[in-house]
Each structure stands twice: as C-alpha cells, then as structure tokens.
Amino acid sequence: MAIQRALRGITCPIVTPFDDGAVDEPALESLLEHVQTGADAVFPCGTTGEFASLAPDERRRVLEATVDRADVSVVAGAGATSVEETVGSVADAAAAGADAAVIVPPYFHTANTPAGNRRFFEAVADRASLPLLLYNIPQCTGRRIDPETVAAVADHDRIVGLKDSSGDLEYFLSVQRRTPEDFLCLQGYDALLVPALRMGADGGVNALSNALPECFAEAVERAHDDRGVELQREAITPVFEACTEFGFAPAAKAALVHRGVLPTDDVRPPLVAIDDSSALETAVDRALEVAGTERD
C-alpha cells in the first residue's frame, strides 16, 4: 500500500495558521513549502493543528487547502467521540483527496474499556473509505489504547498502523511485538524518535518537525549511527524540553515565527500564545546550528 511506504519517514502534524482568528490559507501554503523540505507526509487537523478548536467547515477547508498545495502524502485528522462523526470526518478527508486518516479513542467517556475501544475502531473501520491510523495519546483521551486492542484490530483491512504519543517506549515496543510486520508503528513523542527508530519504529509523526523539518529528516536517515544520536541529544530533545511547558501548538507556532515561516503565533482558546519564547528560540537556534542549517 502506497501510504504505508510514504509514512516510513517523517510525517509533520502541521499547525493551523490563524490571522485575526481566521484560518490563514496563504500562511498555510508557506508552512507547507517549509515543512516539505524534510517531511515525507503531512498531517493536518491533528492535535498540533488544534483540530478541537476548528469548526467542521474549517476542518474541511484546511484539508482541501493542504491537499491542493502539498507535494507529499496527506494524512488527515478525523478524531471525534462518536462512530457517526468519525466516519463522516473520514469521508470528508477522502472527498478532499487525503491518502489516509487518523482516528482516536472516544474521549470524554471516562469509562472506556479495551472492549469498547475495539468495538469503536472496528465500527469505524468497517465503514471507512480510507486507510486508518490509530492515535494513542492518553494524556488527551483519558487512557491508552491497550496493546491487546491494537493487536486485535491490526488485521483489519482498513487499519494500517498506530501513532503513539504516550512517551512510553515500553508500550511502543509492546505494540510492535503484537502486530504484523507490515503494521506501521510510528513514534509521536519527539524525545523518543531516534531511540524508537533504533528499536524498529517505522517512522515518526513529530510536532517539532514543523519548525525543524531538516533536522528530523536527517535524524531518521542517520538514526542508526552516531549522527542520529547527536541530532536527538543536541537538537531535538532540548527543543522538546523547551516546549513542554507551553504545549506543542503554541510552541511550534512561536518557533515558526522565529524562523520567519509564519507571520503570527496566534492560537485559539483555550490555548494561549507564549509570552516569553526566548528559551525556546535559543534552543531552536542551537538545533539549527547542530543540524548545519541557517535560520530563515
């Protein structure tokens, strides 16, 4: 499957640029030109893209604009709390021309069980019109997708992989052991990218690749030698640590403004822009120095 080949590298979960509260499509075009210097695929309307703050028509516009302007594969965020809404979001992504979609366990329902999540994923996959990636992000959904649940649905024709943003490498390796060889295991926690690649991860889906696409591309290419370790330790992880205080949509946008890619770092409530991004900017400059890249 073509999308499985495309995701064996860096997928950038792109931010959604805003201008005076509205989606800024010219800035989105500039962002796509920038991230495609290193990304093998782009992922609009995910967590870093503030999907939860976008109206349905805005999500469709962002997807359509991304597909129109992207020269790489597009994996669309389709997270929702009901089967019907999720299926509808996947259908919207297919209509826009996306190559795959990403779905999450139903959040807000705090009593989710592994069996309930399995029923949800299978119900969506049975009606999905695109290949699907599961998205494990327990800090946002309330609980992880159990490895046994991933294994149980991994043979479904429509479910092709998992993005894991838990930050739990043991969990990631447990999923790898339980799933078929062609099931994509993608590392979504930036500070674990190179360690996960060395342990057999298929690729990364990393928020900071918005700001540092060249650095992440080289980290994937050189993951199994000393250069990959240097990029992880000296470039990626320090920027990651500088971002954790603020959240990755505000931090990624601040870094993109610093690099001259976006005109503003506007985010929507409940997120807030960073008041003092000097520590983040210093870390970004150092990462570019390590990567051998001049700041734009």
C-alpha atoms as a PDB file:
ATOM      1  CA  MET A   1       0.000   0.000   0.000  1.00  0.00           C
ATOM      2  CA  ALA A   2       1.451   3.367  -1.081  1.00  0.00           C
ATOM      3  CA  ILE A   3       0.574   5.198   2.116  1.00  0.00           C
ATOM      4  CA  GLN A   4       2.481   2.655   4.188  1.00  0.00           C
ATOM      5  CA  ARG A   5       5.607   3.389   2.174  1.00  0.00           C
ATOM      6  CA  ALA A   6       5.089   7.157   2.445  1.00  0.00           C
ATOM      7  CA  LEU A   7       4.867   7.063   6.233  1.00  0.00           C
ATOM      8  CA  ARG A   8       8.237   5.325   6.701  1.00  0.00           C
ATOM      9  CA  GLY A   9       9.941   8.624   7.394  1.00  0.00           C
ATOM     10  CA  ILE A  10       8.785  11.881   8.981  1.00  0.00           C
ATOM     11  CA  THR A  11       5.152  12.899   8.950  1.00  0.00           C
ATOM     12  CA  CYS A  12       4.668  16.508  10.050  1.00  0.00           C
ATOM     13  CA  PRO A  13       1.481  17.173  12.067  1.00  0.00           C
ATOM     14  CA  ILE A  14       1.135  20.706  10.757  1.00  0.00           C
ATOM     15  CA  VAL A  15      -0.105  23.650  12.792  1.00  0.00           C
ATOM     16  CA  THR A  16      -3.154  25.583  11.597  1.00  0.00           C
ATOM     17  CA  PRO A  17      -2.110  29.207  10.992  1.00  0.00           C
ATOM     18  CA  PHE A  18      -4.578  31.894  12.062  1.00  0.00           C
ATOM     19  CA  ASP A  19      -4.852  35.570  11.167  1.00  0.00           C
ATOM     20  CA  ASP A  20      -7.089  37.646  13.410  1.00  0.00           C
ATOM     21  CA  GLY A  21      -8.905  34.466  14.452  1.00  0.00           C
ATOM     22  CA  ALA A  22      -9.492  33.069  10.948  1.00  0.00           C
ATOM     23  CA  VAL A  23      -7.647  30.290   9.136  1.00  0.00           C
ATOM     24  CA  ASP A  24      -4.798  31.888   7.184  1.00  0.00           C
ATOM     25  CA  GLU A  25      -4.508  29.970   3.903  1.00  0.00           C
ATOM     26  CA  PRO A  26      -1.545  31.948   2.465  1.00  0.00           C
ATOM     27  CA  ALA A  27       0.388  31.218   5.678  1.00  0.00           C
ATOM     28  CA  LEU A  28      -0.616  27.561   5.379  1.00  0.00           C
ATOM     29  CA  GLU A  29       0.904  27.497   1.897  1.00  0.00           C
ATOM     30  CA  SER A  30       4.159  28.976   3.240  1.00  0.00           C
ATOM     31  CA  LEU A  31       4.175  26.422   6.037  1.00  0.00           C
ATOM     32  CA  LEU A  32       3.763  23.537   3.603  1.00  0.00           C
ATOM     33  CA  GLU A  33       6.654  24.783   1.463  1.00  0.00           C
ATOM     34  CA  HIS A  34       8.798  24.898   4.587  1.00  0.00           C
ATOM     35  CA  VAL A  35       7.937  21.503   6.113  1.00  0.00           C
ATOM     36  CA  GLN A  36       8.244  19.692   2.797  1.00  0.00           C
ATOM     37  CA  THR A  37      11.978  20.362   2.870  1.00  0.00           C
ATOM     38  CA  GLY A  38      12.127  17.406   5.269  1.00  0.00           C
ATOM     39  CA  ALA A  39       8.724  15.765   5.680  1.00  0.00           C
ATOM     40  CA  ASP A  40       7.626  12.693   3.744  1.00  0.00           C
ATOM     41  CA  ALA A  41       3.959  13.319   4.604  1.00  0.00           C
ATOM     42  CA  VAL A  42       1.846  15.968   6.337  1.00  0.00           C
ATOM     43  CA  PHE A  43      -0.907  15.546   8.912  1.00  0.00           C
ATOM     44  CA  PRO A  44      -3.425  18.427   9.076  1.00  0.00           C
ATOM     45  CA  CYS A  45      -6.137  18.746  11.717  1.00  0.00           C
ATOM     46  CA  GLY A  46      -4.365  16.783  14.427  1.00  0.00           C
ATOM     47  CA  THR A  47      -3.577  17.801  17.985  1.00  0.00           C
ATOM     48  CA  THR A  48      -0.850  20.239  16.904  1.00  0.00           C
ATOM     49  CA  GLY A  49      -3.287  21.531  14.267  1.00  0.00           C
ATOM     50  CA  GLU A  50      -5.791  22.467  17.006  1.00  0.00           C
ATOM     51  CA  PHE A  51      -8.485  20.278  15.434  1.00  0.00           C
ATOM     52  CA  ALA A  52     -10.629  20.520  18.565  1.00  0.00           C
ATOM     53  CA  SER A  53     -10.848  24.302  18.068  1.00  0.00           C
ATOM     54  CA  LEU A  54     -11.858  24.135  14.399  1.00  0.00           C
ATOM     55  CA  ALA A  55     -15.443  24.160  13.171  1.00  0.00           C
ATOM     56  CA  PRO A  56     -16.360  21.318  10.767  1.00  0.00           C
ATOM     57  CA  ASP A  57     -16.303  23.624   7.736  1.00  0.00           C
ATOM     58  CA  GLU A  58     -12.876  24.938   8.776  1.00  0.00           C
ATOM     59  CA  ARG A  59     -11.505  21.422   9.057  1.00  0.00           C
ATOM     60  CA  ARG A  60     -12.736  20.692   5.546  1.00  0.00           C
ATOM     61  CA  ARG A  61     -11.138  23.903   4.239  1.00  0.00           C
ATOM     62  CA  VAL A  62      -7.820  23.144   5.907  1.00  0.00           C
ATOM     63  CA  LEU A  63      -7.843  19.610   4.463  1.00  0.00           C
ATOM     64  CA  GLU A  64      -8.730  20.790   0.972  1.00  0.00           C
ATOM     65  CA  ALA A  65      -6.094  23.551   1.041  1.00  0.00           C
ATOM     66  CA  THR A  66      -3.469  21.105   2.300  1.00  0.00           C
ATOM     67  CA  VAL A  67      -4.221  18.511  -0.372  1.00  0.00           C
ATOM     68  CA  ASP A  68      -4.214  21.208  -3.069  1.00  0.00           C
ATOM     69  CA  ARG A  69      -0.816  22.569  -2.025  1.00  0.00           C
ATOM     70  CA  ALA A  70       1.037  19.502  -0.733  1.00  0.00           C
ATOM     71  CA  ASP A  71       3.511  17.585  -2.859  1.00  0.00           C
ATOM     72  CA  VAL A  72       3.662  14.728  -0.329  1.00  0.00           C
ATOM     73  CA  SER A  73       1.097  12.330   1.120  1.00  0.00           C
ATOM     74  CA  VAL A  74      -1.637  13.802   3.327  1.00  0.00           C
ATOM     75  CA  VAL A  75      -2.877  12.026   6.449  1.00  0.00           C
ATOM     76  CA  ALA A  76      -5.981  13.761   7.780  1.00  0.00           C
ATOM     77  CA  GLY A  77      -7.015  14.071  11.394  1.00  0.00           C
ATOM     78  CA  ALA A  78     -10.503  12.620  11.878  1.00  0.00           C
ATOM     79  CA  GLY A  79     -10.772  12.421  15.662  1.00  0.00           C
ATOM     80  CA  ALA A  80     -14.267  12.510  17.162  1.00  0.00           C
ATOM     81  CA  THR A  81     -16.253  10.961  20.002  1.00  0.00           C
ATOM     82  CA  SER A  82     -18.929   9.085  18.042  1.00  0.00           C
ATOM     83  CA  VAL A  83     -18.779   6.467  15.309  1.00  0.00           C
ATOM     84  CA  GLU A  84     -21.009   8.540  13.023  1.00  0.00           C
ATOM     85  CA  GLU A  85     -18.985  11.728  13.358  1.00  0.00           C
ATOM     86  CA  THR A  86     -15.711   9.873  12.914  1.00  0.00           C
ATOM     87  CA  VAL A  87     -16.961   8.077   9.795  1.00  0.00           C
ATOM     88  CA  GLY A  88     -18.168  11.436   8.475  1.00  0.00           C
ATOM     89  CA  SER A  89     -14.786  13.042   9.133  1.00  0.00           C
ATOM     90  CA  VAL A  90     -13.027  10.194   7.310  1.00  0.00           C
ATOM     91  CA  ALA A  91     -15.426  10.649   4.394  1.00  0.00           C
ATOM     92  CA  ASP A  92     -14.663  14.392   4.337  1.00  0.00           C
ATOM     93  CA  ALA A  93     -10.940  13.582   4.262  1.00  0.00           C
ATOM     94  CA  ALA A  94     -11.466  11.179   1.356  1.00  0.00           C
ATOM     95  CA  ALA A  95     -13.521  13.766  -0.534  1.00  0.00           C
ATOM     96  CA  ALA A  96     -10.726  16.311  -0.056  1.00  0.00           C
ATOM     97  CA  GLY A  97      -8.238  13.857  -1.556  1.00  0.00           C
ATOM     98  CA  ALA A  98      -6.356  12.761   1.572  1.00  0.00           C
ATOM     99  CA  ASP A  99      -4.429   9.495   1.445  1.00  0.00           C
ATOM    100  CA  ALA A 100      -5.298   8.244   4.953  1.00  0.00           C
ATOM    101  CA  ALA A 101      -6.980   9.357   8.173  1.00  0.00           C
ATOM    102  CA  VAL A 102      -6.124   9.266  11.867  1.00  0.00           C
ATOM    103  CA  ILE A 103      -8.705   8.287  14.474  1.00  0.00           C
ATOM    104  CA  VAL A 104      -8.616   8.419  18.269  1.00  0.00           C
ATOM    105  CA  PRO A 105     -10.446   6.525  21.006  1.00  0.00           C
ATOM    106  CA  PRO A 106     -13.623   8.324  22.069  1.00  0.00           C
ATOM    107  CA  TYR A 107     -12.555  10.933  24.612  1.00  0.00           C
ATOM    108  CA  PHE A 108     -14.785  12.333  27.410  1.00  0.00           C
ATOM    109  CA  HIS A 109     -16.242   8.848  28.040  1.00  0.00           C
ATOM    110  CA  THR A 110     -14.107   8.102  31.083  1.00  0.00           C
ATOM    111  CA  ALA A 111     -15.414   4.540  31.377  1.00  0.00           C
ATOM    112  CA  ASN A 112     -13.904   3.373  28.072  1.00  0.00           C
ATOM    113  CA  THR A 113     -12.821  -0.248  28.243  1.00  0.00           C
ATOM    114  CA  PRO A 114     -10.493  -2.101  25.855  1.00  0.00           C
ATOM    115  CA  ALA A 115     -13.513  -3.972  24.511  1.00  0.00           C
ATOM    116  CA  GLY A 116     -15.367  -0.705  23.960  1.00  0.00           C
ATOM    117  CA  ASN A 117     -12.455   0.854  22.132  1.00  0.00           C
ATOM    118  CA  ARG A 118     -12.147  -2.230  19.948  1.00  0.00           C
ATOM    119  CA  ARG A 119     -15.842  -2.028  19.024  1.00  0.00           C
ATOM    120  CA  PHE A 120     -15.428   1.664  18.208  1.00  0.00           C
ATOM    121  CA  PHE A 121     -12.398   1.156  15.959  1.00  0.00           C
ATOM    122  CA  GLU A 122     -13.951  -1.789  14.134  1.00  0.00           C
ATOM    123  CA  ALA A 123     -17.241   0.056  13.626  1.00  0.00           C
ATOM    124  CA  VAL A 124     -15.397   2.999  12.071  1.00  0.00           C
ATOM    125  CA  ALA A 125     -13.055   0.830  10.008  1.00  0.00           C
ATOM    126  CA  ASP A 126     -15.928  -1.244   8.604  1.00  0.00           C
ATOM    127  CA  ARG A 127     -17.324   1.939   7.022  1.00  0.00           C
ATOM    128  CA  ALA A 128     -14.137   3.888   6.364  1.00  0.00           C
ATOM    129  CA  SER A 129     -13.243   4.995   2.875  1.00  0.00           C
ATOM    130  CA  LEU A 130      -9.527   5.492   3.637  1.00  0.00           C
ATOM    131  CA  PRO A 131      -6.697   3.604   5.351  1.00  0.00           C
ATOM    132  CA  LEU A 132      -6.696   4.420   9.071  1.00  0.00           C
ATOM    133  CA  LEU A 133      -4.058   5.064  11.694  1.00  0.00           C
ATOM    134  CA  LEU A 134      -4.937   4.699  15.367  1.00  0.00           C
ATOM    135  CA  TYR A 135      -3.711   7.517  17.616  1.00  0.00           C
ATOM    136  CA  ASN A 136      -2.585   6.671  21.142  1.00  0.00           C
ATOM    137  CA  ILE A 137      -2.481   9.895  23.162  1.00  0.00           C
ATOM    138  CA  PRO A 138      -3.683   9.007  26.664  1.00  0.00           C
ATOM    139  CA  GLN A 139      -2.927  12.446  28.081  1.00  0.00           C
ATOM    140  CA  CYS A 140      -5.777  13.772  25.896  1.00  0.00           C
ATOM    141  CA  THR A 141      -8.175  10.805  25.728  1.00  0.00           C
ATOM    142  CA  GLY A 142      -8.037   9.626  29.355  1.00  0.00           C
ATOM    143  CA  ARG A 143      -6.472   6.211  28.798  1.00  0.00           C
ATOM    144  CA  ARG A 144      -4.190   4.417  26.401  1.00  0.00           C
ATOM    145  CA  ILE A 145      -5.224   2.050  23.641  1.00  0.00           C
ATOM    146  CA  ASP A 146      -4.255  -1.286  25.162  1.00  0.00           C
ATOM    147  CA  PRO A 147      -1.655  -3.193  23.117  1.00  0.00           C
ATOM    148  CA  GLU A 148      -4.044  -6.157  23.023  1.00  0.00           C
ATOM    149  CA  THR A 149      -6.688  -3.909  21.436  1.00  0.00           C
ATOM    150  CA  VAL A 150      -4.234  -2.729  18.790  1.00  0.00           C
ATOM    151  CA  ALA A 151      -3.287  -6.336  18.081  1.00  0.00           C
ATOM    152  CA  ALA A 152      -6.947  -7.337  17.825  1.00  0.00           C
ATOM    153  CA  VAL A 153      -7.731  -4.770  15.122  1.00  0.00           C
ATOM    154  CA  ALA A 154      -4.359  -4.803  13.317  1.00  0.00           C
ATOM    155  CA  ASP A 155      -5.567  -7.381  10.795  1.00  0.00           C
ATOM    156  CA  HIS A 156      -8.497  -5.199   9.697  1.00  0.00           C
ATOM    157  CA  ASP A 157      -8.018  -4.244   6.054  1.00  0.00           C
ATOM    158  CA  ARG A 158      -8.513  -0.544   6.805  1.00  0.00           C
ATOM    159  CA  ILE A 159      -6.343  -0.212   9.942  1.00  0.00           C
ATOM    160  CA  VAL A 160      -2.736   0.137   8.831  1.00  0.00           C
ATOM    161  CA  GLY A 161      -0.855   1.488  11.837  1.00  0.00           C
ATOM    162  CA  LEU A 162      -0.555   3.400  15.095  1.00  0.00           C
ATOM    163  CA  LYS A 163       0.827   6.779  16.077  1.00  0.00           C
ATOM    164  CA  ASP A 164       1.994   6.595  19.694  1.00  0.00           C
ATOM    165  CA  SER A 165       2.373   9.905  21.535  1.00  0.00           C
ATOM    166  CA  SER A 166       2.316   8.423  25.031  1.00  0.00           C
ATOM    167  CA  GLY A 167       6.040   8.849  25.682  1.00  0.00           C
ATOM    168  CA  ASP A 168       6.128   5.262  26.948  1.00  0.00           C
ATOM    169  CA  LEU A 169       8.738   3.330  24.968  1.00  0.00           C
ATOM    170  CA  GLU A 170       7.817   0.066  26.698  1.00  0.00           C
ATOM    171  CA  TYR A 171       4.241   0.483  25.445  1.00  0.00           C
ATOM    172  CA  PHE A 172       5.521   1.186  21.928  1.00  0.00           C
ATOM    173  CA  LEU A 173       7.666  -1.938  21.892  1.00  0.00           C
ATOM    174  CA  SER A 174       4.764  -3.987  23.263  1.00  0.00           C
ATOM    175  CA  VAL A 175       2.614  -2.885  20.314  1.00  0.00           C
ATOM    176  CA  GLN A 176       5.432  -3.744  17.906  1.00  0.00           C
ATOM    177  CA  ARG A 177       5.700  -7.270  19.304  1.00  0.00           C
ATOM    178  CA  ARG A 178       1.969  -7.898  18.992  1.00  0.00           C
ATOM    179  CA  THR A 179       1.288  -6.577  15.490  1.00  0.00           C
ATOM    180  CA  PRO A 180       2.119  -7.856  11.985  1.00  0.00           C
ATOM    181  CA  GLU A 181       5.348  -6.769  10.310  1.00  0.00           C
ATOM    182  CA  ASP A 182       3.512  -4.542   7.827  1.00  0.00           C
ATOM    183  CA  PHE A 183       1.573  -2.730  10.577  1.00  0.00           C
ATOM    184  CA  LEU A 184       3.091   0.744  10.922  1.00  0.00           C
ATOM    185  CA  CYS A 185       4.369   1.726  14.367  1.00  0.00           C
ATOM    186  CA  LEU A 186       5.051   5.467  14.307  1.00  0.00           C
ATOM    187  CA  GLN A 187       6.709   7.346  17.165  1.00  0.00           C
ATOM    188  CA  GLY A 188       4.839  10.529  18.056  1.00  0.00           C
ATOM    189  CA  TYR A 189       6.892  11.566  21.078  1.00  0.00           C
ATOM    190  CA  ASP A 190       9.719  13.690  19.728  1.00  0.00           C
ATOM    191  CA  ALA A 191      12.182  12.939  22.535  1.00  0.00           C
ATOM    192  CA  LEU A 192      11.953   9.213  21.716  1.00  0.00           C
ATOM    193  CA  LEU A 193      12.280   9.417  17.944  1.00  0.00           C
ATOM    194  CA  VAL A 194      15.810   8.066  17.442  1.00  0.00           C
ATOM    195  CA  PRO A 195      15.578   5.507  20.292  1.00  0.00           C
ATOM    196  CA  ALA A 196      12.337   4.191  18.773  1.00  0.00           C
ATOM    197  CA  LEU A 197      13.820   4.070  15.262  1.00  0.00           C
ATOM    198  CA  ARG A 198      16.758   2.088  16.606  1.00  0.00           C
ATOM    199  CA  MET A 199      14.261  -0.345  18.100  1.00  0.00           C
ATOM    200  CA  GLY A 200      12.429  -0.808  14.799  1.00  0.00           C
ATOM    201  CA  ALA A 201       9.934   2.058  14.575  1.00  0.00           C
ATOM    202  CA  ASP A 202       8.751   2.658  11.029  1.00  0.00           C
ATOM    203  CA  GLY A 203       8.835   6.459  11.231  1.00  0.00           C
ATOM    204  CA  GLY A 204       7.886   9.488  13.267  1.00  0.00           C
ATOM    205  CA  VAL A 205       4.937  11.877  13.494  1.00  0.00           C
ATOM    206  CA  ASN A 206       6.532  14.771  15.315  1.00  0.00           C
ATOM    207  CA  ALA A 207       5.195  18.221  16.182  1.00  0.00           C
ATOM    208  CA  LEU A 208       8.591  19.900  16.166  1.00  0.00           C
ATOM    209  CA  SER A 209       9.178  18.874  12.557  1.00  0.00           C
ATOM    210  CA  ASN A 210       7.037  21.951  11.820  1.00  0.00           C
ATOM    211  CA  ALA A 211       9.961  24.093  12.936  1.00  0.00           C
ATOM    212  CA  LEU A 212      12.875  21.751  12.222  1.00  0.00           C
ATOM    213  CA  PRO A 213      11.975  19.607   9.198  1.00  0.00           C
ATOM    214  CA  GLU A 214      15.586  19.320   8.000  1.00  0.00           C
ATOM    215  CA  CYS A 215      16.753  18.168  11.419  1.00  0.00           C
ATOM    216  CA  PHE A 216      14.080  15.479  11.705  1.00  0.00           C
ATOM    217  CA  ALA A 217      14.671  14.209   8.183  1.00  0.00           C
ATOM    218  CA  GLU A 218      18.361  13.744   8.886  1.00  0.00           C
ATOM    219  CA  ALA A 219      17.632  12.147  12.264  1.00  0.00           C
ATOM    220  CA  VAL A 220      15.564   9.478  10.502  1.00  0.00           C
ATOM    221  CA  GLU A 221      18.180   8.962   7.806  1.00  0.00           C
ATOM    222  CA  ARG A 222      21.029   8.702  10.324  1.00  0.00           C
ATOM    223  CA  ALA A 223      19.153   7.098  13.224  1.00  0.00           C
ATOM    224  CA  HIS A 224      21.402   4.060  13.337  1.00  0.00           C
ATOM    225  CA  ASP A 225      24.713   5.875  13.579  1.00  0.00           C
ATOM    226  CA  ASP A 226      26.302   8.480  15.861  1.00  0.00           C
ATOM    227  CA  ARG A 227      24.941  11.411  13.873  1.00  0.00           C
ATOM    228  CA  GLY A 228      21.379  10.381  14.649  1.00  0.00           C
ATOM    229  CA  VAL A 229      22.208  10.216  18.348  1.00  0.00           C
ATOM    230  CA  GLU A 230      23.813  13.678  18.165  1.00  0.00           C
ATOM    231  CA  LEU A 231      20.743  15.171  16.498  1.00  0.00           C
ATOM    232  CA  GLN A 232      18.442  13.609  19.080  1.00  0.00           C
ATOM    233  CA  ARG A 233      20.523  14.671  22.094  1.00  0.00           C
ATOM    234  CA  GLU A 234      21.767  18.079  20.965  1.00  0.00           C
ATOM    235  CA  ALA A 235      18.975  19.349  18.733  1.00  0.00           C
ATOM    236  CA  ILE A 236      15.605  17.630  19.046  1.00  0.00           C
ATOM    237  CA  THR A 237      15.414  16.850  22.758  1.00  0.00           C
ATOM    238  CA  PRO A 238      16.466  20.324  24.013  1.00  0.00           C
ATOM    239  CA  VAL A 239      13.781  21.958  21.829  1.00  0.00           C
ATOM    240  CA  PHE A 240      11.277  19.351  23.005  1.00  0.00           C
ATOM    241  CA  GLU A 241      12.099  20.136  26.639  1.00  0.00           C
ATOM    242  CA  ALA A 242      11.725  23.874  25.980  1.00  0.00           C
ATOM    243  CA  CYS A 243       8.248  23.220  24.529  1.00  0.00           C
ATOM    244  CA  THR A 244       6.734  21.001  27.196  1.00  0.00           C
ATOM    245  CA  GLU A 245       5.848  23.929  29.453  1.00  0.00           C
ATOM    246  CA  PHE A 246       3.736  25.593  26.788  1.00  0.00           C
ATOM    247  CA  GLY A 247       2.101  22.885  24.669  1.00  0.00           C
ATOM    248  CA  PHE A 248       3.147  21.984  21.169  1.00  0.00           C
ATOM    249  CA  ALA A 249       0.777  24.080  19.069  1.00  0.00           C
ATOM    250  CA  PRO A 250       1.816  27.382  20.745  1.00  0.00           C
ATOM    251  CA  ALA A 251       5.467  26.320  20.865  1.00  0.00           C
ATOM    252  CA  ALA A 252       5.604  25.140  17.254  1.00  0.00           C
ATOM    253  CA  LYS A 253       3.995  28.380  16.085  1.00  0.00           C
ATOM    254  CA  ALA A 254       6.404  30.501  18.146  1.00  0.00           C
ATOM    255  CA  ALA A 255       9.327  28.588  16.634  1.00  0.00           C
ATOM    256  CA  LEU A 256       7.911  29.058  13.132  1.00  0.00           C
ATOM    257  CA  VAL A 257       7.602  32.817  13.693  1.00  0.00           C
ATOM    258  CA  HIS A 258      11.196  32.820  14.940  1.00  0.00           C
ATOM    259  CA  ARG A 259      12.287  31.088  11.737  1.00  0.00           C
ATOM    260  CA  GLY A 260      10.310  33.538   9.602  1.00  0.00           C
ATOM    261  CA  VAL A 261       7.892  30.941   8.258  1.00  0.00           C
ATOM    262  CA  LEU A 262       4.666  32.258   9.864  1.00  0.00           C
ATOM    263  CA  PRO A 263       3.712  35.910  10.411  1.00  0.00           C
ATOM    264  CA  THR A 264       1.993  35.312  13.754  1.00  0.00           C
ATOM    265  CA  ASP A 265       1.832  32.690  16.510  1.00  0.00           C
ATOM    266  CA  ASP A 266      -1.924  33.099  17.056  1.00  0.00           C
ATOM    267  CA  VAL A 267      -3.690  30.172  18.716  1.00  0.00           C
ATOM    268  CA  ARG A 268      -7.323  29.721  19.676  1.00  0.00           C
ATOM    269  CA  PRO A 269      -8.694  29.455  23.204  1.00  0.00           C
ATOM    270  CA  PRO A 270      -8.214  27.596  25.441  1.00  0.00           C
ATOM    271  CA  LEU A 271      -4.602  27.683  24.188  1.00  0.00           C
ATOM    272  CA  VAL A 272      -2.576  30.851  24.701  1.00  0.00           C
ATOM    273  CA  ALA A 273       0.446  32.191  22.857  1.00  0.00           C
ATOM    274  CA  ILE A 274       3.805  32.154  24.632  1.00  0.00           C
ATOM    275  CA  ASP A 275       4.613  35.428  26.400  1.00  0.00           C
ATOM    276  CA  ASP A 276       8.368  34.870  26.532  1.00  0.00           C
ATOM    277  CA  SER A 277       9.726  32.449  23.964  1.00  0.00           C
ATOM    278  CA  SER A 278      13.394  33.360  24.431  1.00  0.00           C
ATOM    279  CA  ALA A 279      14.369  29.953  25.866  1.00  0.00           C
ATOM    280  CA  LEU A 280      12.591  28.198  23.006  1.00  0.00           C
ATOM    281  CA  GLU A 281      14.232  30.459  20.428  1.00  0.00           C
ATOM    282  CA  THR A 282      17.666  29.766  21.899  1.00  0.00           C
ATOM    283  CA  ALA A 283      17.014  26.017  21.705  1.00  0.00           C
ATOM    284  CA  VAL A 284      15.817  26.325  18.101  1.00  0.00           C
ATOM    285  CA  ASP A 285      18.905  28.306  17.097  1.00  0.00           C
ATOM    286  CA  ARG A 286      21.129  25.712  18.721  1.00  0.00           C
ATOM    287  CA  ALA A 287      19.256  22.903  16.945  1.00  0.00           C
ATOM    288  CA  LEU A 288      19.763  24.635  13.599  1.00  0.00           C
ATOM    289  CA  GLU A 289      23.437  25.024  14.402  1.00  0.00           C
ATOM    290  CA  VAL A 290      23.744  21.312  15.178  1.00  0.00           C
ATOM    291  CA  ALA A 291      21.834  20.479  12.003  1.00  0.00           C
ATOM    292  CA  GLY A 292      24.042  22.805   9.960  1.00  0.00           C
ATOM    293  CA  THR A 293      21.067  24.914   8.856  1.00  0.00           C
ATOM    294  CA  GLU A 294      20.874  28.700   8.823  1.00  0.00           C
ATOM    295  CA  ARG A 295      17.805  30.327  10.361  1.00  0.00           C
ATOM    296  CA  ASP A 296      15.457  31.649   7.660  1.00  0.00           C
END
